[in-house]
Amino acid sequence: MKILILTTDQELALLRQRVLETAGHDVIALSTEKEALEAAEKQVPFDVALMCHRMPDATARKIIRIFKDTKREGKIVYVVRIYGEWPEVEADRYVVGADGPDALVRVVSETGPQAAA
């Protein structure tokens, strides 16, 4: 599965990238707002876009709006930091970052195109 990681935290991007690659996924990790917006506008292909809580809400909403306006088939998973956090970002699925790598891999796998089949 093709995973697109969108965050402004390079450390989190690299950690999540390694976890998802180890699980067998192809991963592109972007760690600036500019890179994330450019990827959305250039329609970089993905099955799952992983939006991190470290991305400013306004930018995250803009990127998601671009994905929806261009009718992207990929799904969006938003990573919240802790339980009880209510993000102001609309996504297809949510995962709590504090739950660790196993939860991340599980939610990504459940959200991808094979899960719908």
PDB file of N, CA and C in Angstrom:
ATOM      1  N   MET A   1       0.843  -1.173   0.000  1.00  0.00           N
ATOM      2  CA  MET A   1       0.000   0.000   0.000  1.00  0.00           C
ATOM      3  C   MET A   1       0.895   1.245   0.000  1.00  0.00           C
ATOM      4  N   LYS A   2       0.441   2.287  -0.678  1.00  0.00           N
ATOM      5  CA  LYS A   2       1.179   3.548  -0.716  1.00  0.00           C
ATOM      6  C   LYS A   2       0.668   4.455   0.396  1.00  0.00           C
ATOM      7  N   ILE A   3       1.580   4.846   1.287  1.00  0.00           N
ATOM      8  CA  ILE A   3       1.238   5.684   2.426  1.00  0.00           C
ATOM      9  C   ILE A   3       1.930   7.030   2.268  1.00  0.00           C
ATOM     10  N   LEU A   4       1.186   8.100   2.527  1.00  0.00           N
ATOM     11  CA  LEU A   4       1.723   9.458   2.495  1.00  0.00           C
ATOM     12  C   LEU A   4       1.636  10.011   3.908  1.00  0.00           C
ATOM     13  N   ILE A   5       2.780  10.289   4.530  1.00  0.00           N
ATOM     14  CA  ILE A   5       2.820  10.839   5.883  1.00  0.00           C
ATOM     15  C   ILE A   5       2.961  12.351   5.781  1.00  0.00           C
ATOM     16  N   LEU A   6       2.056  13.060   6.456  1.00  0.00           N
ATOM     17  CA  LEU A   6       2.046  14.523   6.430  1.00  0.00           C
ATOM     18  C   LEU A   6       2.155  15.040   7.864  1.00  0.00           C
ATOM     19  N   THR A   7       3.261  15.723   8.164  1.00  0.00           N
ATOM     20  CA  THR A   7       3.508  16.225   9.506  1.00  0.00           C
ATOM     21  C   THR A   7       4.493  17.384   9.415  1.00  0.00           C
ATOM     22  N   THR A   8       4.650  18.087  10.513  1.00  0.00           N
ATOM     23  CA  THR A   8       5.717  19.092  10.574  1.00  0.00           C
ATOM     24  C   THR A   8       6.795  18.655  11.562  1.00  0.00           C
ATOM     25  N   ASP A   9       6.729  17.408  11.997  1.00  0.00           N
ATOM     26  CA  ASP A   9       7.687  16.865  12.952  1.00  0.00           C
ATOM     27  C   ASP A   9       8.502  15.781  12.251  1.00  0.00           C
ATOM     28  N   GLN A  10       9.719  16.123  11.882  1.00  0.00           N
ATOM     29  CA  GLN A  10      10.549  15.191  11.125  1.00  0.00           C
ATOM     30  C   GLN A  10      10.813  13.898  11.886  1.00  0.00           C
ATOM     31  N   GLU A  11      11.015  13.987  13.192  1.00  0.00           N
ATOM     32  CA  GLU A  11      11.271  12.785  13.980  1.00  0.00           C
ATOM     33  C   GLU A  11      10.087  11.830  13.919  1.00  0.00           C
ATOM     34  N   LEU A  12       8.873  12.355  14.124  1.00  0.00           N
ATOM     35  CA  LEU A  12       7.685  11.504  14.032  1.00  0.00           C
ATOM     36  C   LEU A  12       7.539  10.934  12.630  1.00  0.00           C
ATOM     37  N   ALA A  13       7.808  11.743  11.618  1.00  0.00           N
ATOM     38  CA  ALA A  13       7.703  11.271  10.235  1.00  0.00           C
ATOM     39  C   ALA A  13       8.631  10.087   9.995  1.00  0.00           C
ATOM     40  N   LEU A  14       9.872  10.212  10.433  1.00  0.00           N
ATOM     41  CA  LEU A  14      10.844   9.145  10.207  1.00  0.00           C
ATOM     42  C   LEU A  14      10.506   7.882  10.987  1.00  0.00           C
ATOM     43  N   LEU A  15      10.046   8.038  12.223  1.00  0.00           N
ATOM     44  CA  LEU A  15       9.655   6.874  13.030  1.00  0.00           C
ATOM     45  C   LEU A  15       8.464   6.157  12.401  1.00  0.00           C
ATOM     46  N   ARG A  16       7.447   6.912  12.027  1.00  0.00           N
ATOM     47  CA  ARG A  16       6.267   6.298  11.413  1.00  0.00           C
ATOM     48  C   ARG A  16       6.616   5.672  10.070  1.00  0.00           C
ATOM     49  N   GLN A  17       7.488   6.332   9.324  1.00  0.00           N
ATOM     50  CA  GLN A  17       7.916   5.783   8.037  1.00  0.00           C
ATOM     51  C   GLN A  17       8.563   4.423   8.237  1.00  0.00           C
ATOM     52  N   ARG A  18       9.473   4.318   9.186  1.00  0.00           N
ATOM     53  CA  ARG A  18      10.168   3.045   9.417  1.00  0.00           C
ATOM     54  C   ARG A  18       9.192   1.954   9.858  1.00  0.00           C
ATOM     55  N   VAL A  19       8.278   2.286  10.747  1.00  0.00           N
ATOM     56  CA  VAL A  19       7.286   1.316  11.224  1.00  0.00           C
ATOM     57  C   VAL A  19       6.444   0.803  10.055  1.00  0.00           C
ATOM     58  N   LEU A  20       5.970   1.714   9.225  1.00  0.00           N
ATOM     59  CA  LEU A  20       5.105   1.321   8.111  1.00  0.00           C
ATOM     60  C   LEU A  20       5.868   0.590   7.011  1.00  0.00           C
ATOM     61  N   GLU A  21       7.109   0.972   6.765  1.00  0.00           N
ATOM     62  CA  GLU A  21       7.930   0.243   5.793  1.00  0.00           C
ATOM     63  C   GLU A  21       8.204  -1.174   6.288  1.00  0.00           C
ATOM     64  N   THR A  22       8.467  -1.312   7.576  1.00  0.00           N
ATOM     65  CA  THR A  22       8.697  -2.628   8.156  1.00  0.00           C
ATOM     66  C   THR A  22       7.458  -3.510   8.014  1.00  0.00           C
ATOM     67  N   ALA A  23       6.285  -2.888   8.022  1.00  0.00           N
ATOM     68  CA  ALA A  23       5.028  -3.615   7.842  1.00  0.00           C
ATOM     69  C   ALA A  23       4.740  -3.896   6.363  1.00  0.00           C
ATOM     70  N   GLY A  24       5.654  -3.481   5.461  1.00  0.00           N
ATOM     71  CA  GLY A  24       5.528  -3.818   4.050  1.00  0.00           C
ATOM     72  C   GLY A  24       4.921  -2.750   3.155  1.00  0.00           C
ATOM     73  N   HIS A  25       4.774  -1.544   3.647  1.00  0.00           N
ATOM     74  CA  HIS A  25       4.162  -0.474   2.862  1.00  0.00           C
ATOM     75  C   HIS A  25       5.221   0.399   2.185  1.00  0.00           C
ATOM     76  N   ASP A  26       4.829   1.022   1.062  1.00  0.00           N
ATOM     77  CA  ASP A  26       5.654   2.040   0.411  1.00  0.00           C
ATOM     78  C   ASP A  26       5.261   3.369   1.042  1.00  0.00           C
ATOM     79  N   VAL A  27       6.250   4.119   1.532  1.00  0.00           N
ATOM     80  CA  VAL A  27       5.950   5.319   2.320  1.00  0.00           C
ATOM     81  C   VAL A  27       6.711   6.530   1.786  1.00  0.00           C
ATOM     82  N   ILE A  28       5.991   7.642   1.675  1.00  0.00           N
ATOM     83  CA  ILE A  28       6.599   8.940   1.419  1.00  0.00           C
ATOM     84  C   ILE A  28       6.302   9.784   2.651  1.00  0.00           C
ATOM     85  N   ALA A  29       7.338  10.284   3.295  1.00  0.00           N
ATOM     86  CA  ALA A  29       7.162  11.097   4.495  1.00  0.00           C
ATOM     87  C   ALA A  29       7.540  12.543   4.186  1.00  0.00           C
ATOM     88  N   LEU A  30       6.605  13.441   4.409  1.00  0.00           N
ATOM     89  CA  LEU A  30       6.821  14.869   4.185  1.00  0.00           C
ATOM     90  C   LEU A  30       6.734  15.575   5.530  1.00  0.00           C
ATOM     91  N   SER A  31       7.686  16.468   5.792  1.00  0.00           N
ATOM     92  CA  SER A  31       7.729  17.051   7.137  1.00  0.00           C
ATOM     93  C   SER A  31       7.722  18.580   7.156  1.00  0.00           C
ATOM     94  N   THR A  32       7.169  19.183   6.110  1.00  0.00           N
ATOM     95  CA  THR A  32       6.936  20.633   6.148  1.00  0.00           C
ATOM     96  C   THR A  32       5.551  20.912   5.570  1.00  0.00           C
ATOM     97  N   GLU A  33       4.981  22.040   5.970  1.00  0.00           N
ATOM     98  CA  GLU A  33       3.686  22.436   5.427  1.00  0.00           C
ATOM     99  C   GLU A  33       3.774  22.608   3.913  1.00  0.00           C
ATOM    100  N   LYS A  34       4.847  23.235   3.454  1.00  0.00           N
ATOM    101  CA  LYS A  34       5.026  23.494   2.025  1.00  0.00           C
ATOM    102  C   LYS A  34       5.056  22.187   1.232  1.00  0.00           C
ATOM    103  N   GLU A  35       5.836  21.211   1.686  1.00  0.00           N
ATOM    104  CA  GLU A  35       5.915  19.918   0.991  1.00  0.00           C
ATOM    105  C   GLU A  35       4.555  19.233   0.961  1.00  0.00           C
ATOM    106  N   ALA A  36       3.842  19.284   2.071  1.00  0.00           N
ATOM    107  CA  ALA A  36       2.532  18.628   2.159  1.00  0.00           C
ATOM    108  C   ALA A  36       1.533  19.272   1.198  1.00  0.00           C
ATOM    109  N   LEU A  37       1.501  20.598   1.166  1.00  0.00           N
ATOM    110  CA  LEU A  37       0.599  21.305   0.250  1.00  0.00           C
ATOM    111  C   LEU A  37       0.952  21.020  -1.205  1.00  0.00           C
ATOM    112  N   GLU A  38       2.244  21.015  -1.523  1.00  0.00           N
ATOM    113  CA  GLU A  38       2.673  20.721  -2.887  1.00  0.00           C
ATOM    114  C   GLU A  38       2.277  19.307  -3.297  1.00  0.00           C
ATOM    115  N   ALA A  39       2.426  18.353  -2.392  1.00  0.00           N
ATOM    116  CA  ALA A  39       2.044  16.965  -2.685  1.00  0.00           C
ATOM    117  C   ALA A  39       0.553  16.865  -2.968  1.00  0.00           C
ATOM    118  N   ALA A  40      -0.240  17.590  -2.195  1.00  0.00           N
ATOM    119  CA  ALA A  40      -1.690  17.580  -2.412  1.00  0.00           C
ATOM    120  C   ALA A  40      -2.025  18.198  -3.764  1.00  0.00           C
ATOM    121  N   GLU A  41      -1.425  19.329  -4.064  1.00  0.00           N
ATOM    122  CA  GLU A  41      -1.711  20.031  -5.323  1.00  0.00           C
ATOM    123  C   GLU A  41      -1.218  19.256  -6.545  1.00  0.00           C
ATOM    124  N   LYS A  42      -0.105  18.541  -6.393  1.00  0.00           N
ATOM    125  CA  LYS A  42       0.449  17.766  -7.513  1.00  0.00           C
ATOM    126  C   LYS A  42      -0.179  16.372  -7.602  1.00  0.00           C
ATOM    127  N   GLN A  43      -1.113  16.089  -6.706  1.00  0.00           N
ATOM    128  CA  GLN A  43      -1.822  14.818  -6.676  1.00  0.00           C
ATOM    129  C   GLN A  43      -0.884  13.617  -6.567  1.00  0.00           C
ATOM    130  N   VAL A  44       0.064  13.697  -5.631  1.00  0.00           N
ATOM    131  CA  VAL A  44       0.936  12.561  -5.348  1.00  0.00           C
ATOM    132  C   VAL A  44       0.031  11.386  -4.960  1.00  0.00           C
ATOM    133  N   PRO A  45       0.194  10.225  -5.612  1.00  0.00           N
ATOM    134  CA  PRO A  45      -0.716   9.105  -5.344  1.00  0.00           C
ATOM    135  C   PRO A  45      -0.518   8.503  -3.950  1.00  0.00           C
ATOM    136  N   PHE A  46      -1.629   8.066  -3.349  1.00  0.00           N
ATOM    137  CA  PHE A  46      -1.576   7.389  -2.060  1.00  0.00           C
ATOM    138  C   PHE A  46      -2.827   6.543  -1.880  1.00  0.00           C
ATOM    139  N   ASP A  47      -2.694   5.495  -1.077  1.00  0.00           N
ATOM    140  CA  ASP A  47      -3.849   4.713  -0.650  1.00  0.00           C
ATOM    141  C   ASP A  47      -4.351   5.245   0.684  1.00  0.00           C
ATOM    142  N   VAL A  48      -3.390   5.619   1.545  1.00  0.00           N
ATOM    143  CA  VAL A  48      -3.717   6.200   2.849  1.00  0.00           C
ATOM    144  C   VAL A  48      -2.799   7.394   3.088  1.00  0.00           C
ATOM    145  N   ALA A  49      -3.408   8.529   3.426  1.00  0.00           N
ATOM    146  CA  ALA A  49      -2.637   9.706   3.851  1.00  0.00           C
ATOM    147  C   ALA A  49      -2.743   9.769   5.369  1.00  0.00           C
ATOM    148  N   LEU A  50      -1.611   9.803   6.015  1.00  0.00           N
ATOM    149  CA  LEU A  50      -1.533   9.836   7.465  1.00  0.00           C
ATOM    150  C   LEU A  50      -1.250  11.271   7.889  1.00  0.00           C
ATOM    151  N   MET A  51      -2.270  11.952   8.402  1.00  0.00           N
ATOM    152  CA  MET A  51      -2.162  13.354   8.803  1.00  0.00           C
ATOM    153  C   MET A  51      -1.861  13.405  10.302  1.00  0.00           C
ATOM    154  N   CYS A  52      -0.767  14.050  10.660  1.00  0.00           N
ATOM    155  CA  CYS A  52      -0.313  14.121  12.045  1.00  0.00           C
ATOM    156  C   CYS A  52      -0.878  15.334  12.772  1.00  0.00           C
ATOM    157  N   HIS A  53      -1.097  15.163  14.074  1.00  0.00           N
ATOM    158  CA  HIS A  53      -1.570  16.257  14.928  1.00  0.00           C
ATOM    159  C   HIS A  53      -0.607  17.434  14.959  1.00  0.00           C
ATOM    160  N   ARG A  54       0.627  17.231  14.526  1.00  0.00           N
ATOM    161  CA  ARG A  54       1.599  18.329  14.517  1.00  0.00           C
ATOM    162  C   ARG A  54       1.427  19.266  13.326  1.00  0.00           C
ATOM    163  N   MET A  55       0.640  18.836  12.338  1.00  0.00           N
ATOM    164  CA  MET A  55       0.337  19.715  11.200  1.00  0.00           C
ATOM    165  C   MET A  55      -0.697  20.729  11.693  1.00  0.00           C
ATOM    166  N   PRO A  56      -0.463  22.025  11.484  1.00  0.00           N
ATOM    167  CA  PRO A  56      -1.450  23.019  11.912  1.00  0.00           C
ATOM    168  C   PRO A  56      -2.838  22.698  11.342  1.00  0.00           C
ATOM    169  N   ASP A  57      -3.870  22.849  12.172  1.00  0.00           N
ATOM    170  CA  ASP A  57      -5.234  22.483  11.767  1.00  0.00           C
ATOM    171  C   ASP A  57      -5.656  23.151  10.461  1.00  0.00           C
ATOM    172  N   ALA A  58      -5.349  24.432  10.293  1.00  0.00           N
ATOM    173  CA  ALA A  58      -5.758  25.140   9.080  1.00  0.00           C
ATOM    174  C   ALA A  58      -5.117  24.514   7.844  1.00  0.00           C
ATOM    175  N   THR A  59      -3.855  24.148   7.945  1.00  0.00           N
ATOM    176  CA  THR A  59      -3.164  23.513   6.822  1.00  0.00           C
ATOM    177  C   THR A  59      -3.721  22.123   6.570  1.00  0.00           C
ATOM    178  N   ALA A  60      -3.962  21.375   7.641  1.00  0.00           N
ATOM    179  CA  ALA A  60      -4.531  20.030   7.498  1.00  0.00           C
ATOM    180  C   ALA A  60      -5.891  20.096   6.812  1.00  0.00           C
ATOM    181  N   ARG A  61      -6.737  21.032   7.228  1.00  0.00           N
ATOM    182  CA  ARG A  61      -8.057  21.176   6.596  1.00  0.00           C
ATOM    183  C   ARG A  61      -7.916  21.548   5.122  1.00  0.00           C
ATOM    184  N   LYS A  62      -6.965  22.416   4.799  1.00  0.00           N
ATOM    185  CA  LYS A  62      -6.754  22.823   3.408  1.00  0.00           C
ATOM    186  C   LYS A  62      -6.320  21.626   2.559  1.00  0.00           C
ATOM    187  N   ILE A  63      -5.395  20.840   3.067  1.00  0.00           N
ATOM    188  CA  ILE A  63      -4.911  19.665   2.336  1.00  0.00           C
ATOM    189  C   ILE A  63      -6.052  18.671   2.120  1.00  0.00           C
ATOM    190  N   ILE A  64      -6.817  18.423   3.156  1.00  0.00           N
ATOM    191  CA  ILE A  64      -7.936  17.481   3.045  1.00  0.00           C
ATOM    192  C   ILE A  64      -8.973  18.007   2.050  1.00  0.00           C
ATOM    193  N   ARG A  65      -9.214  19.306   2.054  1.00  0.00           N
ATOM    194  CA  ARG A  65     -10.142  19.903   1.096  1.00  0.00           C
ATOM    195  C   ARG A  65      -9.633  19.693  -0.339  1.00  0.00           C
ATOM    196  N   ILE A  66      -8.324  19.852  -0.551  1.00  0.00           N
ATOM    197  CA  ILE A  66      -7.746  19.602  -1.875  1.00  0.00           C
ATOM    198  C   ILE A  66      -7.963  18.141  -2.272  1.00  0.00           C
ATOM    199  N   PHE A  67      -7.701  17.214  -1.340  1.00  0.00           N
ATOM    200  CA  PHE A  67      -7.908  15.792  -1.626  1.00  0.00           C
ATOM    201  C   PHE A  67      -9.358  15.537  -2.035  1.00  0.00           C
ATOM    202  N   LYS A  68     -10.297  16.086  -1.295  1.00  0.00           N
ATOM    203  CA  LYS A  68     -11.722  15.853  -1.569  1.00  0.00           C
ATOM    204  C   LYS A  68     -12.164  16.543  -2.858  1.00  0.00           C
ATOM    205  N   ASP A  69     -11.701  17.762  -3.094  1.00  0.00           N
ATOM    206  CA  ASP A  69     -12.086  18.494  -4.308  1.00  0.00           C
ATOM    207  C   ASP A  69     -11.589  17.807  -5.576  1.00  0.00           C
ATOM    208  N   THR A  70     -10.449  17.132  -5.469  1.00  0.00           N
ATOM    209  CA  THR A  70      -9.897  16.434  -6.637  1.00  0.00           C
ATOM    210  C   THR A  70     -10.326  14.967  -6.654  1.00  0.00           C
ATOM    211  N   LYS A  71     -11.263  14.623  -5.754  1.00  0.00           N
ATOM    212  CA  LYS A  71     -11.862  13.284  -5.702  1.00  0.00           C
ATOM    213  C   LYS A  71     -10.818  12.168  -5.606  1.00  0.00           C
ATOM    214  N   ARG A  72      -9.870  12.366  -4.704  1.00  0.00           N
ATOM    215  CA  ARG A  72      -8.834  11.352  -4.481  1.00  0.00           C
ATOM    216  C   ARG A  72      -9.466  10.104  -3.890  1.00  0.00           C
ATOM    217  N   GLU A  73      -9.026   8.945  -4.337  1.00  0.00           N
ATOM    218  CA  GLU A  73      -9.573   7.684  -3.851  1.00  0.00           C
ATOM    219  C   GLU A  73      -8.970   7.268  -2.517  1.00  0.00           C
ATOM    220  N   GLY A  74      -7.789   7.786  -2.190  1.00  0.00           N
ATOM    221  CA  GLY A  74      -7.135   7.404  -0.946  1.00  0.00           C
ATOM    222  C   GLY A  74      -7.911   7.870   0.264  1.00  0.00           C
ATOM    223  N   LYS A  75      -7.683   7.193   1.370  1.00  0.00           N
ATOM    224  CA  LYS A  75      -8.342   7.513   2.639  1.00  0.00           C
ATOM    225  C   LYS A  75      -7.400   8.327   3.519  1.00  0.00           C
ATOM    226  N   ILE A  76      -7.978   9.074   4.444  1.00  0.00           N
ATOM    227  CA  ILE A  76      -7.199   9.925   5.344  1.00  0.00           C
ATOM    228  C   ILE A  76      -7.338   9.411   6.766  1.00  0.00           C
ATOM    229  N   VAL A  77      -6.194   9.164   7.397  1.00  0.00           N
ATOM    230  CA  VAL A  77      -6.146   8.784   8.808  1.00  0.00           C
ATOM    231  C   VAL A  77      -5.500   9.938   9.550  1.00  0.00           C
ATOM    232  N   TYR A  78      -6.189  10.433  10.575  1.00  0.00           N
ATOM    233  CA  TYR A  78      -5.661  11.536  11.372  1.00  0.00           C
ATOM    234  C   TYR A  78      -5.118  10.971  12.682  1.00  0.00           C
ATOM    235  N   VAL A  79      -3.886  11.319  13.016  1.00  0.00           N
ATOM    236  CA  VAL A  79      -3.247  10.861  14.246  1.00  0.00           C
ATOM    237  C   VAL A  79      -3.436  11.929  15.316  1.00  0.00           C
ATOM    238  N   VAL A  80      -4.239  11.609  16.341  1.00  0.00           N
ATOM    239  CA  VAL A  80      -4.385  12.509  17.483  1.00  0.00           C
ATOM    240  C   VAL A  80      -3.314  12.157  18.503  1.00  0.00           C
ATOM    241  N   ARG A  81      -2.958  13.113  19.314  1.00  0.00           N
ATOM    242  CA  ARG A  81      -1.870  12.907  20.265  1.00  0.00           C
ATOM    243  C   ARG A  81      -2.270  11.986  21.414  1.00  0.00           C
ATOM    244  N   ILE A  82      -3.411  12.284  22.056  1.00  0.00           N
ATOM    245  CA  ILE A  82      -3.857  11.529  23.224  1.00  0.00           C
ATOM    246  C   ILE A  82      -5.376  11.334  23.167  1.00  0.00           C
ATOM    247  N   TYR A  83      -5.870  10.414  23.990  1.00  0.00           N
ATOM    248  CA  TYR A  83      -7.317  10.200  24.083  1.00  0.00           C
ATOM    249  C   TYR A  83      -8.008  11.465  24.576  1.00  0.00           C
ATOM    250  N   GLY A  84      -9.215  11.676  24.108  1.00  0.00           N
ATOM    251  CA  GLY A  84     -10.004  12.824  24.537  1.00  0.00           C
ATOM    252  C   GLY A  84      -9.787  14.061  23.696  1.00  0.00           C
ATOM    253  N   GLU A  85      -8.800  14.018  22.820  1.00  0.00           N
ATOM    254  CA  GLU A  85      -8.529  15.142  21.929  1.00  0.00           C
ATOM    255  C   GLU A  85      -9.549  15.099  20.793  1.00  0.00           C
ATOM    256  N   TRP A  86     -10.207  16.209  20.545  1.00  0.00           N
ATOM    257  CA  TRP A  86     -11.177  16.293  19.453  1.00  0.00           C
ATOM    258  C   TRP A  86     -10.605  17.182  18.370  1.00  0.00           C
ATOM    259  N   PRO A  87     -10.031  16.579  17.336  1.00  0.00           N
ATOM    260  CA  PRO A  87      -9.413  17.387  16.279  1.00  0.00           C
ATOM    261  C   PRO A  87     -10.463  18.160  15.489  1.00  0.00           C
ATOM    262  N   GLU A  88     -10.043  19.284  14.972  1.00  0.00           N
ATOM    263  CA  GLU A  88     -10.907  20.097  14.127  1.00  0.00           C
ATOM    264  C   GLU A  88     -10.650  19.751  12.661  1.00  0.00           C
ATOM    265  N   VAL A  89     -10.319  18.502  12.429  1.00  0.00           N
ATOM    266  CA  VAL A  89      -9.973  18.024  11.100  1.00  0.00           C
ATOM    267  C   VAL A  89     -10.832  16.802  10.795  1.00  0.00           C
ATOM    268  N   GLU A  90     -11.478  16.801   9.637  1.00  0.00           N
ATOM    269  CA  GLU A  90     -12.324  15.683   9.237  1.00  0.00           C
ATOM    270  C   GLU A  90     -11.488  14.654   8.497  1.00  0.00           C
ATOM    271  N   ALA A  91     -11.523  13.424   8.975  1.00  0.00           N
ATOM    272  CA  ALA A  91     -10.764  12.337   8.361  1.00  0.00           C
ATOM    273  C   ALA A  91     -11.660  11.107   8.239  1.00  0.00           C
ATOM    274  N   ASP A  92     -11.168  10.105   7.503  1.00  0.00           N
ATOM    275  CA  ASP A  92     -11.907   8.853   7.370  1.00  0.00           C
ATOM    276  C   ASP A  92     -11.771   7.993   8.618  1.00  0.00           C
ATOM    277  N   ARG A  93     -10.597   8.063   9.246  1.00  0.00           N
ATOM    278  CA  ARG A  93     -10.332   7.300  10.473  1.00  0.00           C
ATOM    279  C   ARG A  93      -9.433   8.130  11.364  1.00  0.00           C
ATOM    280  N   TYR A  94      -9.385   7.757  12.633  1.00  0.00           N
ATOM    281  CA  TYR A  94      -8.532   8.419  13.605  1.00  0.00           C
ATOM    282  C   TYR A  94      -7.768   7.336  14.363  1.00  0.00           C
ATOM    283  N   VAL A  95      -6.563   7.671  14.800  1.00  0.00           N
ATOM    284  CA  VAL A  95      -5.768   6.780  15.630  1.00  0.00           C
ATOM    285  C   VAL A  95      -5.056   7.648  16.662  1.00  0.00           C
ATOM    286  N   VAL A  96      -4.892   7.098  17.858  1.00  0.00           N
ATOM    287  CA  VAL A  96      -4.216   7.816  18.929  1.00  0.00           C
ATOM    288  C   VAL A  96      -2.730   7.483  18.865  1.00  0.00           C
ATOM    289  N   GLY A  97      -1.896   8.507  18.677  1.00  0.00           N
ATOM    290  CA  GLY A  97      -0.458   8.301  18.572  1.00  0.00           C
ATOM    291  C   GLY A  97       0.129   7.604  19.784  1.00  0.00           C
ATOM    292  N   ALA A  98      -0.409   7.898  20.972  1.00  0.00           N
ATOM    293  CA  ALA A  98       0.095   7.298  22.208  1.00  0.00           C
ATOM    294  C   ALA A  98      -0.148   5.791  22.271  1.00  0.00           C
ATOM    295  N   ASP A  99      -1.005   5.261  21.393  1.00  0.00           N
ATOM    296  CA  ASP A  99      -1.245   3.815  21.364  1.00  0.00           C
ATOM    297  C   ASP A  99      -0.094   3.050  20.728  1.00  0.00           C
ATOM    298  N   GLY A 100       0.811   3.767  20.072  1.00  0.00           N
ATOM    299  CA  GLY A 100       2.017   3.145  19.564  1.00  0.00           C
ATOM    300  C   GLY A 100       1.928   2.582  18.162  1.00  0.00           C
ATOM    301  N   PRO A 101       3.024   1.949  17.739  1.00  0.00           N
ATOM    302  CA  PRO A 101       3.148   1.507  16.355  1.00  0.00           C
ATOM    303  C   PRO A 101       2.180   0.403  15.949  1.00  0.00           C
ATOM    304  N   ASP A 102       1.843  -0.502  16.859  1.00  0.00           N
ATOM    305  CA  ASP A 102       0.923  -1.582  16.492  1.00  0.00           C
ATOM    306  C   ASP A 102      -0.447  -1.032  16.119  1.00  0.00           C
ATOM    307  N   ALA A 103      -0.932  -0.060  16.878  1.00  0.00           N
ATOM    308  CA  ALA A 103      -2.225   0.561  16.572  1.00  0.00           C
ATOM    309  C   ALA A 103      -2.160   1.291  15.233  1.00  0.00           C
ATOM    310  N   LEU A 104      -1.056   1.964  14.972  1.00  0.00           N
ATOM    311  CA  LEU A 104      -0.891   2.685  13.708  1.00  0.00           C
ATOM    312  C   LEU A 104      -0.966   1.722  12.534  1.00  0.00           C
ATOM    313  N   VAL A 105      -0.215   0.639  12.582  1.00  0.00           N
ATOM    314  CA  VAL A 105      -0.201  -0.346  11.506  1.00  0.00           C
ATOM    315  C   VAL A 105      -1.585  -0.962  11.328  1.00  0.00           C
ATOM    316  N   ARG A 106      -2.265  -1.275  12.438  1.00  0.00           N
ATOM    317  CA  ARG A 106      -3.598  -1.882  12.370  1.00  0.00           C
ATOM    318  C   ARG A 106      -4.599  -0.949  11.695  1.00  0.00           C
ATOM    319  N   VAL A 107      -4.634   0.322  12.116  1.00  0.00           N
ATOM    320  CA  VAL A 107      -5.602   1.265  11.554  1.00  0.00           C
ATOM    321  C   VAL A 107      -5.304   1.540  10.085  1.00  0.00           C
ATOM    322  N   VAL A 108      -4.042   1.695   9.737  1.00  0.00           N
ATOM    323  CA  VAL A 108      -3.679   1.905   8.329  1.00  0.00           C
ATOM    324  C   VAL A 108      -4.125   0.700   7.501  1.00  0.00           C
ATOM    325  N   SER A 109      -3.872  -0.510   7.985  1.00  0.00           N
ATOM    326  CA  SER A 109      -4.265  -1.717   7.254  1.00  0.00           C
ATOM    327  C   SER A 109      -5.777  -1.829   7.116  1.00  0.00           C
ATOM    328  N   GLU A 110      -6.502  -1.456   8.156  1.00  0.00           N
ATOM    329  CA  GLU A 110      -7.968  -1.507   8.118  1.00  0.00           C
ATOM    330  C   GLU A 110      -8.562  -0.447   7.194  1.00  0.00           C
ATOM    331  N   THR A 111      -7.815   0.603   6.918  1.00  0.00           N
ATOM    332  CA  THR A 111      -8.320   1.732   6.144  1.00  0.00           C
ATOM    333  C   THR A 111      -7.999   1.625   4.659  1.00  0.00           C
ATOM    334  N   GLY A 112      -6.963   0.896   4.321  1.00  0.00           N
ATOM    335  CA  GLY A 112      -6.516   0.817   2.934  1.00  0.00           C
ATOM    336  C   GLY A 112      -7.484   0.112   2.012  1.00  0.00           C
ATOM    337  N   PRO A 113      -7.152   0.071   0.714  1.00  0.00           N
ATOM    338  CA  PRO A 113      -8.056  -0.466  -0.297  1.00  0.00           C
ATOM    339  C   PRO A 113      -8.373  -1.963  -0.121  1.00  0.00           C
ATOM    340  N   GLN A 114      -7.441  -2.741   0.415  1.00  0.00           N
ATOM    341  CA  GLN A 114      -7.700  -4.159   0.623  1.00  0.00           C
ATOM    342  C   GLN A 114      -8.791  -4.379   1.678  1.00  0.00           C
ATOM    343  N   ALA A 115      -8.877  -3.454   2.620  1.00  0.00           N
ATOM    344  CA  ALA A 115      -9.866  -3.569   3.694  1.00  0.00           C
ATOM    345  C   ALA A 115     -11.286  -3.460   3.142  1.00  0.00           C
ATOM    346  N   ALA A 116     -11.456  -2.687   2.073  1.00  0.00           N
ATOM    347  CA  ALA A 116     -12.780  -2.474   1.487  1.00  0.00           C
ATOM    348  C   ALA A 116     -13.214  -3.688   0.647  1.00  0.00           C
ATOM    349  N   ALA A 117     -12.251  -4.493   0.252  1.00  0.00           N
ATOM    350  CA  ALA A 117     -12.573  -5.632  -0.629  1.00  0.00           C
ATOM    351  C   ALA A 117     -13.196  -6.791   0.119  1.00  0.00           C
TER     352      ALA A 117
END
